[in-house]
PDB file of N, CA and C in Angstrom:
ATOM      1  N   UNK A   1     147.768  33.239 112.408  1.00  0.00           N
ATOM      2  CA  UNK A   1     146.712  33.565 111.475  1.00  0.00           C
ATOM      3  C   UNK A   1     145.435  33.079 112.119  1.00  0.00           C
ATOM      4  N   UNK A   2     145.286  32.072 112.646  1.00  0.00           N
ATOM      5  CA  UNK A   2     144.030  31.378 113.360  1.00  0.00           C
ATOM      6  C   UNK A   2     143.360  32.384 114.416  1.00  0.00           C
ATOM      7  N   UNK A   3     144.247  32.935 115.184  1.00  0.00           N
ATOM      8  CA  UNK A   3     144.087  33.905 116.028  1.00  0.00           C
ATOM      9  C   UNK A   3     143.275  35.226 115.762  1.00  0.00           C
ATOM     10  N   UNK A   4     143.805  35.595 114.400  1.00  0.00           N
ATOM     11  CA  UNK A   4     143.388  36.692 113.599  1.00  0.00           C
ATOM     12  C   UNK A   4     141.730  36.402 113.214  1.00  0.00           C
ATOM     13  N   UNK A   5     141.654  35.047 112.444  1.00  0.00           N
ATOM     14  CA  UNK A   5     140.114  34.792 112.468  1.00  0.00           C
ATOM     15  C   UNK A   5     139.109  34.794 113.452  1.00  0.00           C
ATOM     16  N   UNK A   6     139.920  34.576 114.823  1.00  0.00           N
ATOM     17  CA  UNK A   6     139.118  34.003 115.584  1.00  0.00           C
ATOM     18  C   UNK A   6     138.558  35.379 116.350  1.00  0.00           C
ATOM     19  N   UNK A   7     139.335  36.227 116.316  1.00  0.00           N
ATOM     20  CA  UNK A   7     138.986  37.682 116.880  1.00  0.00           C
ATOM     21  C   UNK A   7     138.316  38.429 115.649  1.00  0.00           C
ATOM     22  N   UNK A   8     138.373  38.500 114.366  1.00  0.00           N
ATOM     23  CA  UNK A   8     137.829  38.816 113.498  1.00  0.00           C
ATOM     24  C   UNK A   8     136.040  38.278 113.466  1.00  0.00           C
ATOM     25  N   UNK A   9     135.964  37.185 113.847  1.00  0.00           N
ATOM     26  CA  UNK A   9     134.778  36.604 113.748  1.00  0.00           C
ATOM     27  C   UNK A   9     133.882  37.206 115.127  1.00  0.00           C
ATOM     28  N   UNK A  10     134.981  37.126 116.354  1.00  0.00           N
ATOM     29  CA  UNK A  10     134.196  37.624 117.548  1.00  0.00           C
ATOM     30  C   UNK A  10     133.732  39.298 117.196  1.00  0.00           C
ATOM     31  N   UNK A  11     134.554  39.932 116.633  1.00  0.00           N
ATOM     32  CA  UNK A  11     134.174  41.608 116.187  1.00  0.00           C
ATOM     33  C   UNK A  11     132.785  41.437 115.231  1.00  0.00           C
ATOM     34  N   UNK A  12     132.904  40.702 114.082  1.00  0.00           N
ATOM     35  CA  UNK A  12     131.746  40.461 113.445  1.00  0.00           C
ATOM     36  C   UNK A  12     130.604  40.696 114.128  1.00  0.00           C
ATOM     37  N   UNK A  13     130.384  39.351 114.945  1.00  0.00           N
ATOM     38  CA  UNK A  13     129.053  38.973 115.621  1.00  0.00           C
ATOM     39  C   UNK A  13     128.846  40.046 116.660  1.00  0.00           C
ATOM     40  N   UNK A  14     129.842  40.572 116.976  1.00  0.00           N
ATOM     41  CA  UNK A  14     129.509  41.726 118.117  1.00  0.00           C
ATOM     42  C   UNK A  14     129.060  43.085 117.456  1.00  0.00           C
ATOM     43  N   UNK A  15     129.327  43.219 116.206  1.00  0.00           N
ATOM     44  CA  UNK A  15     128.860  44.354 115.485  1.00  0.00           C
ATOM     45  C   UNK A  15     127.662  44.129 114.858  1.00  0.00           C
ATOM     46  N   UNK A  16     127.331  42.856 114.489  1.00  0.00           N
ATOM     47  CA  UNK A  16     125.958  42.194 114.092  1.00  0.00           C
ATOM     48  C   UNK A  16     124.825  42.713 115.314  1.00  0.00           C
ATOM     49  N   UNK A  17     125.290  42.295 116.200  1.00  0.00           N
ATOM     50  CA  UNK A  17     124.433  42.537 117.488  1.00  0.00           C
ATOM     51  C   UNK A  17     124.281  43.885 118.013  1.00  0.00           C
ATOM     52  N   UNK A  18     125.126  44.546 118.086  1.00  0.00           N
ATOM     53  CA  UNK A  18     125.112  46.211 118.135  1.00  0.00           C
ATOM     54  C   UNK A  18     124.015  46.643 117.130  1.00  0.00           C
ATOM     55  N   UNK A  19     124.411  46.259 115.932  1.00  0.00           N
ATOM     56  CA  UNK A  19     123.202  47.121 114.881  1.00  0.00           C
ATOM     57  C   UNK A  19     121.841  46.504 114.846  1.00  0.00           C
ATOM     58  N   UNK A  20     121.823  44.948 115.116  1.00  0.00           N
ATOM     59  CA  UNK A  20     120.396  44.532 115.503  1.00  0.00           C
ATOM     60  C   UNK A  20     119.769  45.207 116.739  1.00  0.00           C
ATOM     61  N   UNK A  21     120.580  45.757 118.113  1.00  0.00           N
ATOM     62  CA  UNK A  21     119.967  46.257 119.057  1.00  0.00           C
ATOM     63  C   UNK A  21     119.446  47.540 118.832  1.00  0.00           C
ATOM     64  N   UNK A  22     120.613  48.186 118.102  1.00  0.00           N
ATOM     65  CA  UNK A  22     120.209  49.434 117.838  1.00  0.00           C
ATOM     66  C   UNK A  22     119.033  49.980 117.019  1.00  0.00           C
ATOM     67  N   UNK A  23     118.676  48.781 116.000  1.00  0.00           N
ATOM     68  CA  UNK A  23     117.426  48.661 115.631  1.00  0.00           C
ATOM     69  C   UNK A  23     116.389  48.773 115.999  1.00  0.00           C
ATOM     70  N   UNK A  24     116.573  47.899 116.824  1.00  0.00           N
ATOM     71  CA  UNK A  24     115.370  47.219 117.889  1.00  0.00           C
ATOM     72  C   UNK A  24     115.014  48.711 118.547  1.00  0.00           C
ATOM     73  N   UNK A  25     115.940  49.546 118.961  1.00  0.00           N
ATOM     74  CA  UNK A  25     115.786  50.671 119.835  1.00  0.00           C
ATOM     75  C   UNK A  25     115.036  51.664 119.158  1.00  0.00           C
ATOM     76  N   UNK A  26     115.023  51.505 117.650  1.00  0.00           N
ATOM     77  CA  UNK A  26     114.621  52.627 116.883  1.00  0.00           C
ATOM     78  C   UNK A  26     113.141  52.318 116.817  1.00  0.00           C
ATOM     79  N   UNK A  27     112.954  51.196 116.098  1.00  0.00           N
ATOM     80  CA  UNK A  27     111.664  50.542 115.953  1.00  0.00           C
ATOM     81  C   UNK A  27     110.889  49.823 116.614  1.00  0.00           C
ATOM     82  N   UNK A  28     111.497  49.252 117.695  1.00  0.00           N
ATOM     83  CA  UNK A  28     110.786  48.172 118.785  1.00  0.00           C
ATOM     84  C   UNK A  28     110.150  47.304 118.236  1.00  0.00           C
ATOM     85  N   UNK A  29     110.777  46.643 117.435  1.00  0.00           N
ATOM     86  CA  UNK A  29     110.487  45.346 116.575  1.00  0.00           C
ATOM     87  C   UNK A  29     111.026  44.041 117.378  1.00  0.00           C
ATOM     88  N   UNK A  30     109.932  43.248 118.014  1.00  0.00           N
ATOM     89  CA  UNK A  30     110.594  42.154 118.789  1.00  0.00           C
ATOM     90  C   UNK A  30     111.851  41.261 118.425  1.00  0.00           C
ATOM     91  N   UNK A  31     111.153  40.939 116.813  1.00  0.00           N
ATOM     92  CA  UNK A  31     112.349  39.876 116.279  1.00  0.00           C
ATOM     93  C   UNK A  31     113.563  40.769 116.370  1.00  0.00           C
ATOM     94  N   UNK A  32     113.990  41.877 116.000  1.00  0.00           N
ATOM     95  CA  UNK A  32     115.145  42.356 115.971  1.00  0.00           C
ATOM     96  C   UNK A  32     115.681  42.335 117.392  1.00  0.00           C
ATOM     97  N   UNK A  33     114.810  42.613 118.295  1.00  0.00           N
ATOM     98  CA  UNK A  33     115.444  42.064 119.879  1.00  0.00           C
ATOM     99  C   UNK A  33     116.070  40.980 119.874  1.00  0.00           C
ATOM    100  N   UNK A  34     115.188  39.781 119.623  1.00  0.00           N
ATOM    101  CA  UNK A  34     115.694  38.453 119.791  1.00  0.00           C
ATOM    102  C   UNK A  34     116.743  38.007 118.852  1.00  0.00           C
ATOM    103  N   UNK A  35     116.743  38.569 117.736  1.00  0.00           N
ATOM    104  CA  UNK A  35     117.849  38.532 116.804  1.00  0.00           C
ATOM    105  C   UNK A  35     119.317  39.201 117.598  1.00  0.00           C
ATOM    106  N   UNK A  36     119.204  40.229 117.906  1.00  0.00           N
ATOM    107  CA  UNK A  36     119.964  41.062 118.758  1.00  0.00           C
ATOM    108  C   UNK A  36     120.569  40.285 119.780  1.00  0.00           C
ATOM    109  N   UNK A  37     119.961  39.681 120.653  1.00  0.00           N
ATOM    110  CA  UNK A  37     120.455  39.070 121.803  1.00  0.00           C
ATOM    111  C   UNK A  37     120.827  37.660 121.367  1.00  0.00           C
ATOM    112  N   UNK A  38     120.675  37.003 120.217  1.00  0.00           N
ATOM    113  CA  UNK A  38     121.546  35.798 119.805  1.00  0.00           C
ATOM    114  C   UNK A  38     122.678  36.233 119.526  1.00  0.00           C
ATOM    115  N   UNK A  39     122.654  37.219 118.614  1.00  0.00           N
ATOM    116  CA  UNK A  39     124.036  37.567 118.251  1.00  0.00           C
ATOM    117  C   UNK A  39     124.996  37.837 119.402  1.00  0.00           C
ATOM    118  N   UNK A  40     124.436  38.460 120.518  1.00  0.00           N
ATOM    119  CA  UNK A  40     125.225  39.083 121.536  1.00  0.00           C
ATOM    120  C   UNK A  40     125.768  37.745 122.292  1.00  0.00           C
ATOM    121  N   UNK A  41     125.042  36.757 121.961  1.00  0.00           N
ATOM    122  CA  UNK A  41     125.328  35.270 123.235  1.00  0.00           C
ATOM    123  C   UNK A  41     126.305  34.843 122.143  1.00  0.00           C
ATOM    124  N   UNK A  42     126.141  34.733 120.576  1.00  0.00           N
ATOM    125  CA  UNK A  42     127.269  34.171 119.864  1.00  0.00           C
ATOM    126  C   UNK A  42     128.570  34.873 120.255  1.00  0.00           C
ATOM    127  N   UNK A  43     128.426  36.274 120.265  1.00  0.00           N
ATOM    128  CA  UNK A  43     129.785  37.084 120.408  1.00  0.00           C
ATOM    129  C   UNK A  43     130.505  36.408 121.779  1.00  0.00           C
ATOM    130  N   UNK A  44     129.699  36.004 122.798  1.00  0.00           N
ATOM    131  CA  UNK A  44     130.497  35.388 124.088  1.00  0.00           C
ATOM    132  C   UNK A  44     130.964  33.886 123.640  1.00  0.00           C
ATOM    133  N   UNK A  45     130.248  33.356 122.634  1.00  0.00           N
ATOM    134  CA  UNK A  45     130.591  32.068 122.281  1.00  0.00           C
ATOM    135  C   UNK A  45     131.990  32.049 121.167  1.00  0.00           C
ATOM    136  N   UNK A  46     131.954  33.339 120.691  1.00  0.00           N
ATOM    137  CA  UNK A  46     133.281  33.363 119.811  1.00  0.00           C
ATOM    138  C   UNK A  46     134.404  33.771 120.506  1.00  0.00           C
ATOM    139  N   UNK A  47     134.029  34.497 121.623  1.00  0.00           N
ATOM    140  CA  UNK A  47     135.058  34.837 122.432  1.00  0.00           C
ATOM    141  C   UNK A  47     135.699  33.478 123.202  1.00  0.00           C
ATOM    142  N   UNK A  48     135.020  32.580 123.642  1.00  0.00           N
ATOM    143  CA  UNK A  48     135.047  31.554 124.262  1.00  0.00           C
ATOM    144  C   UNK A  48     136.155  30.645 123.369  1.00  0.00           C
ATOM    145  N   UNK A  49     135.596  30.581 121.920  1.00  0.00           N
ATOM    146  CA  UNK A  49     136.244  29.764 121.084  1.00  0.00           C
ATOM    147  C   UNK A  49     137.864  30.209 121.484  1.00  0.00           C
ATOM    148  N   UNK A  50     138.057  31.803 121.348  1.00  0.00           N
ATOM    149  CA  UNK A  50     139.304  32.230 120.978  1.00  0.00           C
ATOM    150  C   UNK A  50     140.114  31.826 122.397  1.00  0.00           C
ATOM    151  N   UNK A  51     139.456  32.193 123.435  1.00  0.00           N
ATOM    152  CA  UNK A  51     140.139  31.880 124.839  1.00  0.00           C
ATOM    153  C   UNK A  51     140.065  30.261 125.014  1.00  0.00           C
ATOM    154  N   UNK A  52     139.412  29.575 124.531  1.00  0.00           N
ATOM    155  CA  UNK A  52     139.719  27.794 124.353  1.00  0.00           C
ATOM    156  C   UNK A  52     141.129  27.443 123.523  1.00  0.00           C
ATOM    157  N   UNK A  53     141.153  27.965 122.373  1.00  0.00           N
ATOM    158  CA  UNK A  53     141.871  27.468 121.201  1.00  0.00           C
ATOM    159  C   UNK A  53     143.172  28.394 121.302  1.00  0.00           C
ATOM    160  N   UNK A  54     143.224  29.809 121.918  1.00  0.00           N
ATOM    161  CA  UNK A  54     144.547  30.363 121.804  1.00  0.00           C
ATOM    162  C   UNK A  54     144.966  30.687 123.101  1.00  0.00           C
ATOM    163  N   UNK A  55     144.193  31.282 124.002  1.00  0.00           N
ATOM    164  CA  UNK A  55     144.802  31.711 125.444  1.00  0.00           C
ATOM    165  C   UNK A  55     144.848  30.391 126.210  1.00  0.00           C
ATOM    166  N   UNK A  56     144.030  29.696 126.720  1.00  0.00           N
ATOM    167  CA  UNK A  56     143.967  28.731 127.723  1.00  0.00           C
ATOM    168  C   UNK A  56     143.976  27.399 127.096  1.00  0.00           C
ATOM    169  N   UNK A  57     145.236  26.923 126.448  1.00  0.00           N
ATOM    170  CA  UNK A  57     145.007  25.977 125.783  1.00  0.00           C
ATOM    171  C   UNK A  57     144.772  24.816 126.538  1.00  0.00           C
ATOM    172  N   UNK A  58     145.515  24.576 127.899  1.00  0.00           N
ATOM    173  CA  UNK A  58     145.280  23.703 128.968  1.00  0.00           C
ATOM    174  C   UNK A  58     143.971  23.239 129.412  1.00  0.00           C
ATOM    175  N   UNK A  59     143.047  24.276 129.324  1.00  0.00           N
ATOM    176  CA  UNK A  59     141.494  24.188 129.891  1.00  0.00           C
ATOM    177  C   UNK A  59     140.869  24.070 128.876  1.00  0.00           C
ATOM    178  N   UNK A  60     139.895  23.107 129.054  1.00  0.00           N
ATOM    179  CA  UNK A  60     138.910  22.675 128.138  1.00  0.00           C
ATOM    180  C   UNK A  60     137.430  23.466 128.212  1.00  0.00           C
ATOM    181  N   UNK A  61     137.191  24.102 127.397  1.00  0.00           N
ATOM    182  CA  UNK A  61     136.087  24.901 127.736  1.00  0.00           C
ATOM    183  C   UNK A  61     135.037  24.689 126.499  1.00  0.00           C
ATOM    184  N   UNK A  62     135.103  23.814 125.922  1.00  0.00           N
ATOM    185  CA  UNK A  62     134.189  22.985 124.872  1.00  0.00           C
ATOM    186  C   UNK A  62     132.720  23.126 125.422  1.00  0.00           C
ATOM    187  N   UNK A  63     132.543  22.702 126.689  1.00  0.00           N
ATOM    188  CA  UNK A  63     131.231  22.525 127.043  1.00  0.00           C
ATOM    189  C   UNK A  63     130.292  23.749 127.418  1.00  0.00           C
ATOM    190  N   UNK A  64     131.382  24.722 127.653  1.00  0.00           N
ATOM    191  CA  UNK A  64     130.924  26.331 127.842  1.00  0.00           C
ATOM    192  C   UNK A  64     130.636  26.948 126.801  1.00  0.00           C
ATOM    193  N   UNK A  65     131.279  26.565 125.273  1.00  0.00           N
ATOM    194  CA  UNK A  65     131.118  26.858 124.233  1.00  0.00           C
ATOM    195  C   UNK A  65     129.658  26.465 123.667  1.00  0.00           C
ATOM    196  N   UNK A  66     129.395  25.173 123.642  1.00  0.00           N
ATOM    197  CA  UNK A  66     128.358  24.268 123.554  1.00  0.00           C
ATOM    198  C   UNK A  66     127.217  25.095 124.003  1.00  0.00           C
ATOM    199  N   UNK A  67     127.294  25.414 125.323  1.00  0.00           N
ATOM    200  CA  UNK A  67     126.295  25.798 126.027  1.00  0.00           C
ATOM    201  C   UNK A  67     125.846  27.227 125.700  1.00  0.00           C
ATOM    202  N   UNK A  68     126.579  28.042 125.572  1.00  0.00           N
ATOM    203  CA  UNK A  68     126.701  29.490 124.987  1.00  0.00           C
ATOM    204  C   UNK A  68     125.827  29.355 123.371  1.00  0.00           C
ATOM    205  N   UNK A  69     126.279  28.674 122.857  1.00  0.00           N
ATOM    206  CA  UNK A  69     125.634  28.415 121.127  1.00  0.00           C
ATOM    207  C   UNK A  69     124.290  27.728 121.299  1.00  0.00           C
ATOM    208  N   UNK A  70     124.067  26.979 122.034  1.00  0.00           N
ATOM    209  CA  UNK A  70     122.752  26.175 122.398  1.00  0.00           C
ATOM    210  C   UNK A  70     121.611  27.588 122.772  1.00  0.00           C
ATOM    211  N   UNK A  71     122.190  28.159 123.643  1.00  0.00           N
ATOM    212  CA  UNK A  71     121.395  29.383 124.575  1.00  0.00           C
ATOM    213  C   UNK A  71     121.227  30.397 123.354  1.00  0.00           C
ATOM    214  N   UNK A  72     122.131  30.581 122.363  1.00  0.00           N
ATOM    215  CA  UNK A  72     122.020  31.601 121.509  1.00  0.00           C
ATOM    216  C   UNK A  72     120.930  31.049 120.496  1.00  0.00           C
ATOM    217  N   UNK A  73     120.721  29.822 119.893  1.00  0.00           N
ATOM    218  CA  UNK A  73     119.880  29.343 119.077  1.00  0.00           C
ATOM    219  C   UNK A  73     118.317  29.272 119.875  1.00  0.00           C
ATOM    220  N   UNK A  74     118.307  29.056 121.165  1.00  0.00           N
ATOM    221  CA  UNK A  74     116.935  28.962 121.847  1.00  0.00           C
ATOM    222  C   UNK A  74     116.499  30.540 121.741  1.00  0.00           C
ATOM    223  N   UNK A  75     117.461  31.481 121.951  1.00  0.00           N
ATOM    224  CA  UNK A  75     117.006  32.914 121.863  1.00  0.00           C
ATOM    225  C   UNK A  75     116.224  33.460 120.398  1.00  0.00           C
ATOM    226  N   UNK A  76     116.783  32.754 119.470  1.00  0.00           N
ATOM    227  CA  UNK A  76     116.857  33.125 118.106  1.00  0.00           C
ATOM    228  C   UNK A  76     115.211  32.245 117.795  1.00  0.00           C
ATOM    229  N   UNK A  77     115.214  30.918 118.117  1.00  0.00           N
ATOM    230  CA  UNK A  77     114.191  30.106 117.918  1.00  0.00           C
ATOM    231  C   UNK A  77     112.844  30.592 118.715  1.00  0.00           C
ATOM    232  N   UNK A  78     112.877  31.232 119.582  1.00  0.00           N
ATOM    233  CA  UNK A  78     112.047  31.665 120.496  1.00  0.00           C
ATOM    234  C   UNK A  78     111.345  33.140 119.781  1.00  0.00           C
ATOM    235  N   UNK A  79     112.569  33.677 119.452  1.00  0.00           N
ATOM    236  CA  UNK A  79     111.946  35.014 118.557  1.00  0.00           C
ATOM    237  C   UNK A  79     111.215  34.825 117.043  1.00  0.00           C
ATOM    238  N   UNK A  80     111.617  33.645 116.788  1.00  0.00           N
ATOM    239  CA  UNK A  80     111.051  33.169 115.441  1.00  0.00           C
ATOM    240  C   UNK A  80     109.666  32.595 115.565  1.00  0.00           C
ATOM    241  N   UNK A  81     109.527  31.976 116.588  1.00  0.00           N
ATOM    242  CA  UNK A  81     108.205  31.344 116.588  1.00  0.00           C
ATOM    243  C   UNK A  81     107.177  32.050 117.548  1.00  0.00           C
ATOM    244  N   UNK A  82     107.619  32.554 118.462  1.00  0.00           N
ATOM    245  CA  UNK A  82     106.773  33.502 119.128  1.00  0.00           C
ATOM    246  C   UNK A  82     106.659  34.841 118.977  1.00  0.00           C
ATOM    247  N   UNK A  83     107.241  35.601 118.726  1.00  0.00           N
ATOM    248  CA  UNK A  83     107.222  36.893 118.310  1.00  0.00           C
ATOM    249  C   UNK A  83     107.193  37.522 116.786  1.00  0.00           C
ATOM    250  N   UNK A  84     107.460  36.509 115.916  1.00  0.00           N
ATOM    251  CA  UNK A  84     107.428  37.028 114.198  1.00  0.00           C
ATOM    252  C   UNK A  84     105.870  37.312 114.000  1.00  0.00           C
ATOM    253  N   UNK A  85     104.887  36.947 114.733  1.00  0.00           N
ATOM    254  CA  UNK A  85     103.260  37.298 114.209  1.00  0.00           C
ATOM    255  C   UNK A  85     103.179  38.526 114.592  1.00  0.00           C
TER     256      UNK A  85
END
């Protein structure tokens, strides 16, 4: 059950990233680019959650998950602060 939730979460963030980047390709609005990149990195983070808790239980990937999540938030914060004008 847990693995299904992890996979669906990863697929949902991937779909969001694809749709946001597709919207950026059509309209060239920078905020869509930064949001799409944020969701792309969140997809990687969710993939690491699945790998950490389901696939590789003996290896601790917690630090890598936190780094990926922090990078995603930095990308979104940069887009919100400097590119939203």
